[in-house]
Amino acid sequence: MSEDYTKVFTDNSILVNGLQSLLKEAGIDSVVSDGVESGRLAGFGVPSNSVELFILKTDLKEAEPIIDSFKIKINS
């Protein structure tokens, strides 16, 4: 992953895709690194919460309120 990106969230693919959708609605592009799928294709297992979401560091300030709100929602 390029140094221009920073990891903002790690969980299962359903939650990561949900947050990615919210960020996209706000005009923030993101990249998903799916360790589960990569592990499956390589023939070994990894924890199901090994899906990571990355955004550009320049978008971090704009994305933080969305990410924080999402985390509160899924933990309540």
C-alpha atoms as a PDB file:
ATOM      1  CA  MET A   1       0.000   0.000   0.000  1.00  0.00           C
ATOM      2  CA  SER A   2       1.261   3.439  -0.901  1.00  0.00           C
ATOM      3  CA  GLU A   3       2.461   5.772   1.846  1.00  0.00           C
ATOM      4  CA  ASP A   4      -0.289   8.161   0.724  1.00  0.00           C
ATOM      5  CA  TYR A   5      -2.880   5.868   2.331  1.00  0.00           C
ATOM      6  CA  THR A   6      -3.694   5.189   5.957  1.00  0.00           C
ATOM      7  CA  LYS A   7      -5.669   2.319   7.477  1.00  0.00           C
ATOM      8  CA  VAL A   8      -8.854   3.582   9.117  1.00  0.00           C
ATOM      9  CA  PHE A   9     -10.851   0.433   9.876  1.00  0.00           C
ATOM     10  CA  THR A  10     -10.427  -3.343  10.164  1.00  0.00           C
ATOM     11  CA  ASP A  11     -13.248  -5.849  10.588  1.00  0.00           C
ATOM     12  CA  ASN A  12     -15.265  -8.327   8.548  1.00  0.00           C
ATOM     13  CA  SER A  13     -16.165  -7.632   4.913  1.00  0.00           C
ATOM     14  CA  ILE A  14     -19.785  -6.692   5.654  1.00  0.00           C
ATOM     15  CA  LEU A  15     -18.831  -3.899   8.058  1.00  0.00           C
ATOM     16  CA  VAL A  16     -15.915  -2.709   5.942  1.00  0.00           C
ATOM     17  CA  ASN A  17     -18.139  -2.527   2.858  1.00  0.00           C
ATOM     18  CA  GLY A  18     -20.763  -0.625   4.865  1.00  0.00           C
ATOM     19  CA  LEU A  19     -18.245   2.000   5.951  1.00  0.00           C
ATOM     20  CA  GLN A  20     -16.791   2.161   2.455  1.00  0.00           C
ATOM     21  CA  SER A  21     -20.273   2.926   1.127  1.00  0.00           C
ATOM     22  CA  LEU A  22     -20.749   5.767   3.631  1.00  0.00           C
ATOM     23  CA  LEU A  23     -17.393   7.245   2.711  1.00  0.00           C
ATOM     24  CA  LYS A  24     -18.202   6.986  -0.989  1.00  0.00           C
ATOM     25  CA  GLU A  25     -21.466   8.886  -0.422  1.00  0.00           C
ATOM     26  CA  ALA A  26     -19.359  11.672   1.102  1.00  0.00           C
ATOM     27  CA  GLY A  27     -17.047  11.681  -1.925  1.00  0.00           C
ATOM     28  CA  ILE A  28     -14.155   9.960  -0.151  1.00  0.00           C
ATOM     29  CA  ASP A  29     -12.441   7.210  -2.131  1.00  0.00           C
ATOM     30  CA  SER A  30     -11.142   4.167  -0.296  1.00  0.00           C
ATOM     31  CA  VAL A  31      -9.295   0.910  -0.918  1.00  0.00           C
ATOM     32  CA  VAL A  32     -10.105  -2.463   0.637  1.00  0.00           C
ATOM     33  CA  SER A  33      -7.457  -5.054   1.434  1.00  0.00           C
ATOM     34  CA  ASP A  34      -9.218  -8.382   1.935  1.00  0.00           C
ATOM     35  CA  GLY A  35      -6.886 -10.687   3.841  1.00  0.00           C
ATOM     36  CA  VAL A  36      -9.627 -13.312   4.123  1.00  0.00           C
ATOM     37  CA  GLU A  37     -10.057 -13.656   0.374  1.00  0.00           C
ATOM     38  CA  SER A  38      -6.314 -13.520  -0.237  1.00  0.00           C
ATOM     39  CA  GLY A  39      -5.776 -16.252   2.330  1.00  0.00           C
ATOM     40  CA  ARG A  40      -8.515 -18.406   0.831  1.00  0.00           C
ATOM     41  CA  LEU A  41      -6.997 -18.092  -2.629  1.00  0.00           C
ATOM     42  CA  ALA A  42      -3.544 -18.944  -1.281  1.00  0.00           C
ATOM     43  CA  GLY A  43      -4.879 -21.990   0.561  1.00  0.00           C
ATOM     44  CA  PHE A  44      -4.593 -20.888   4.179  1.00  0.00           C
ATOM     45  CA  GLY A  45      -7.005 -19.452   6.692  1.00  0.00           C
ATOM     46  CA  VAL A  46      -7.028 -16.074   8.403  1.00  0.00           C
ATOM     47  CA  PRO A  47      -9.427 -14.539  10.935  1.00  0.00           C
ATOM     48  CA  SER A  48     -12.669 -13.334   9.375  1.00  0.00           C
ATOM     49  CA  ASN A  49     -12.037  -9.815  10.658  1.00  0.00           C
ATOM     50  CA  SER A  50      -8.938  -9.367   8.499  1.00  0.00           C
ATOM     51  CA  VAL A  51     -10.468  -6.963   5.995  1.00  0.00           C
ATOM     52  CA  GLU A  52      -8.869  -3.509   6.068  1.00  0.00           C
ATOM     53  CA  LEU A  53     -10.098  -0.172   4.751  1.00  0.00           C
ATOM     54  CA  PHE A  54      -7.629   2.491   3.644  1.00  0.00           C
ATOM     55  CA  ILE A  55      -8.166   6.113   2.615  1.00  0.00           C
ATOM     56  CA  LEU A  56      -5.859   8.833   1.406  1.00  0.00           C
ATOM     57  CA  LYS A  57      -4.201  10.693   4.264  1.00  0.00           C
ATOM     58  CA  THR A  58      -5.441  13.951   2.735  1.00  0.00           C
ATOM     59  CA  ASP A  59      -9.064  12.756   3.268  1.00  0.00           C
ATOM     60  CA  LEU A  60      -8.589  11.733   6.889  1.00  0.00           C
ATOM     61  CA  LYS A  61      -9.897  14.910   8.513  1.00  0.00           C
ATOM     62  CA  GLU A  62     -13.085  14.804   6.436  1.00  0.00           C
ATOM     63  CA  ALA A  63     -13.550  11.060   7.014  1.00  0.00           C
ATOM     64  CA  GLU A  64     -13.016  10.964  10.794  1.00  0.00           C
ATOM     65  CA  PRO A  65     -16.555  12.065  11.785  1.00  0.00           C
ATOM     66  CA  ILE A  66     -18.071   9.468   9.435  1.00  0.00           C
ATOM     67  CA  ILE A  67     -15.804   6.715  10.766  1.00  0.00           C
ATOM     68  CA  ASP A  68     -16.407   7.661  14.408  1.00  0.00           C
ATOM     69  CA  SER A  69     -20.184   7.733  13.889  1.00  0.00           C
ATOM     70  CA  PHE A  70     -20.056   4.337  12.147  1.00  0.00           C
ATOM     71  CA  LYS A  71     -18.050   2.801  15.000  1.00  0.00           C
ATOM     72  CA  ILE A  72     -20.528   4.102  17.579  1.00  0.00           C
ATOM     73  CA  LYS A  73     -23.444   2.735  15.550  1.00  0.00           C
ATOM     74  CA  ILE A  74     -22.003  -0.776  15.187  1.00  0.00           C
ATOM     75  CA  ASN A  75     -20.962  -0.975  18.841  1.00  0.00           C
ATOM     76  CA  SER A  76     -24.321   0.035  20.285  1.00  0.00           C
END
